[in-house]
Protein backbone atom coordinates (compact mmCIF):
# COMPACT_ATOMS: atom_id res chain seq x y z
CA UNK A 1 109.23 76.80 92.92
CA UNK A 2 108.46 78.88 96.28
CA UNK A 3 108.54 81.93 93.80
CA UNK A 4 105.90 80.43 91.38
CA UNK A 5 103.83 79.24 94.08
CA UNK A 6 103.50 83.05 95.72
CA UNK A 7 103.03 84.04 92.11
CA UNK A 8 100.32 82.24 91.48
CA UNK A 9 98.62 82.62 94.86
CA UNK A 10 99.01 86.40 94.21
CA UNK A 11 97.11 86.22 90.72
CA UNK A 12 94.67 84.53 92.16
CA UNK A 13 94.16 86.71 95.30
CA UNK A 14 94.38 89.93 92.42
CA UNK A 15 91.98 87.74 90.14
CA UNK A 16 89.67 87.40 92.99
CA UNK A 17 89.53 90.72 93.72
CA UNK A 18 89.05 92.40 90.69
CA UNK A 19 86.04 90.03 89.96
CA UNK A 20 84.84 90.98 92.83
CA UNK A 21 84.52 94.44 91.82
CA UNK A 22 84.08 94.30 88.70
CA UNK A 23 80.96 92.45 89.76
CA UNK A 24 80.11 95.39 91.90
CA UNK A 25 81.29 98.46 90.12
CA UNK A 26 77.65 99.82 89.78
CA UNK A 27 77.61 100.08 93.90
CA UNK A 28 81.08 101.64 94.36
CA UNK A 29 80.79 104.39 91.72
CA UNK A 30 76.86 105.17 92.80
CA UNK A 31 77.20 108.82 94.47
CA UNK A 32 75.33 109.74 97.45
CA UNK A 33 74.14 113.36 96.97
CA UNK A 34 72.39 115.67 99.31
CA UNK A 35 69.10 115.01 97.96
CA UNK A 36 69.76 110.90 98.55
CA UNK A 37 69.79 111.86 102.42
CA UNK A 38 66.42 113.49 102.56
CA UNK A 39 64.88 110.20 100.47
CA UNK A 40 66.98 108.13 103.32
CA UNK A 41 65.36 109.82 106.08
CA UNK A 42 61.98 109.92 104.70
CA UNK A 43 62.14 105.84 104.04
CA UNK A 44 63.64 105.78 108.15
CA UNK A 45 60.60 108.30 109.28
CA UNK A 46 58.50 104.86 107.84
CA UNK A 47 60.64 102.69 108.65
CA UNK A 48 60.62 99.55 111.78
CA UNK A 49 63.15 101.94 113.57
CA UNK A 50 60.23 104.67 114.23
CA UNK A 51 57.59 102.45 113.99
CA UNK A 52 57.25 98.80 115.40
CA UNK A 53 54.06 98.40 113.21
CA UNK A 54 55.94 99.39 109.74
CA UNK A 55 55.30 97.59 106.68
CA UNK A 56 58.65 99.66 105.69
CA UNK A 57 61.77 97.73 106.42
CA UNK A 58 65.25 99.40 105.62
CA UNK A 59 68.52 97.62 105.11
CA UNK A 60 70.75 98.63 107.82
CA UNK A 61 73.30 99.52 104.92
CA UNK A 62 70.74 102.53 104.68
CA UNK A 63 70.39 103.42 107.91
CA UNK A 64 74.23 103.34 108.32
CA UNK A 65 74.67 105.72 105.02
CA UNK A 66 72.15 107.68 106.77
CA UNK A 67 73.34 107.78 110.03
CA UNK A 68 76.50 108.86 108.67
CA UNK A 69 75.49 111.47 107.20
CA UNK A 70 73.89 112.69 110.62
CA UNK A 71 76.58 112.53 112.36
CA UNK A 72 79.14 114.13 109.98
CA UNK A 73 76.78 117.34 110.06
CA UNK A 74 76.77 117.69 113.73
CA UNK A 75 73.84 115.29 114.80
CA UNK A 76 74.48 113.74 117.67
CA UNK A 77 75.32 110.08 118.02
CA UNK A 78 73.45 109.02 121.16
CA UNK A 79 70.20 110.79 119.73
CA UNK A 80 70.72 108.92 116.66
CA UNK A 81 71.21 105.20 116.71
CA UNK A 82 72.30 105.30 119.83
CA UNK A 83 72.71 101.52 119.74
CA UNK A 84 75.54 101.39 117.83
CA UNK A 85 78.88 102.71 118.77
CA UNK A 86 79.66 105.73 116.05
CA UNK A 87 83.26 105.27 114.76
CA UNK A 88 82.51 103.30 111.63
CA UNK A 89 79.48 105.53 110.86
CA UNK A 90 82.21 108.39 110.75
CA UNK A 91 84.32 105.89 109.15
CA UNK A 92 81.23 105.76 106.35
CA UNK A 93 80.83 109.64 106.54
CA UNK A 94 84.55 110.10 105.46
CA UNK A 95 84.02 108.34 102.13
CA UNK A 96 81.01 110.28 101.17
CA UNK A 97 83.01 113.38 101.75
CA UNK A 98 86.57 111.96 100.12
CA UNK A 99 84.86 109.29 97.31
CA UNK A 100 81.44 110.62 97.23
CA UNK A 101 80.08 107.30 97.49
CA UNK A 102 78.95 105.39 101.00
CA UNK A 103 79.85 101.66 99.95
CA UNK A 104 83.55 101.61 99.71
CA UNK A 105 84.48 101.12 103.18
CA UNK A 106 83.35 97.75 102.76
CA UNK A 107 86.29 96.98 99.99
CA UNK A 108 88.80 99.66 102.07
CA UNK A 109 88.68 97.62 105.21
CA UNK A 110 88.05 93.90 103.55
CA UNK A 111 91.67 94.21 102.02
CA UNK A 112 92.98 95.77 105.29
CA UNK A 113 91.54 92.87 107.08
CA UNK A 114 93.28 90.29 104.34
CA UNK A 115 96.57 92.40 104.75
CA UNK A 116 96.25 92.10 108.65
CA UNK A 117 95.07 88.34 107.89
CA UNK A 118 98.50 87.96 105.91
CA UNK A 119 100.93 89.53 108.88
CA UNK A 120 99.32 87.42 111.29
CA UNK A 121 99.69 83.92 109.23
CA UNK A 122 103.06 85.29 108.33
CA UNK A 123 103.97 85.76 112.37
CA UNK A 124 102.07 82.18 113.21
CA UNK A 125 103.22 80.10 110.49
CA UNK A 126 106.73 81.82 109.65
CA UNK A 127 106.30 81.11 106.15
CA UNK A 128 104.71 83.48 103.21
CA UNK A 129 103.44 80.80 100.80
CA UNK A 130 101.28 79.27 103.60
CA UNK A 131 100.48 82.90 105.09
CA UNK A 132 99.01 83.89 101.83
CA UNK A 133 97.49 80.55 100.97
CA UNK A 134 95.61 81.20 103.83
CA UNK A 135 95.00 84.90 102.96
CA UNK A 136 94.45 83.63 99.40
CA UNK A 137 91.68 81.22 100.47
CA UNK A 138 89.92 83.62 102.94
CA UNK A 139 89.18 85.53 100.60
CA UNK A 140 86.89 83.11 98.84
CA UNK A 141 85.06 83.00 102.06
CA UNK A 142 81.61 83.50 100.89
CA UNK A 143 80.36 85.84 104.54
CA UNK A 144 83.63 88.34 103.91
CA UNK A 145 83.00 88.72 99.87
CA UNK A 146 78.76 89.55 101.45
CA UNK A 147 80.62 91.54 103.68
CA UNK A 148 82.17 94.01 101.22
CA UNK A 149 79.49 93.95 99.01
CA UNK A 150 76.73 95.57 101.41
CA UNK A 151 78.54 97.29 104.09
CA UNK A 152 77.93 100.44 103.76
C-alpha cells in the first residue's frame, strides 16, 4: 500500500511539473541573442531604473537578464545594480551561456528546492510518504509556480 501511495504522489508531482513546463515552453526555448542585450540595454536606459520620472517600466526579469549579461562580460557588479548581490545574476549568465536562455534558472532552482524540501521533510518527519506528500503539495503552491515562471 505504501508503494502505491508513493507512486501516486510521484505521478502527481511529475505531471504537475510536466504541465507547467508545457505551459511555459515558449519562454524556456526562447534564445538569448546578442541583439537582445542591445534591446534590453535601450529599454533600461529609458526605464525607471535610470529616470525616476520615466513612463517606461521594465520587469525585474528583463533587468536581471541584462545585469547577468553585463556581469558575464566583465562589468563591475558594484557599478550596475549594486543594491542586489551578484551571485544570482552569475547563475543567470551561466544559463545564458550554456542553454542560450535566461529563464531556465527558475525551473532548475525550483527542482533543487523541491529536492531539498523532500530531504528536509524526510529528516524531520522520518517518513518517505509524508515527506513526498508535503513536497507534492508544495509544488502546487501558486507563489512557487510563479517564481519558476517569471524568475530569469
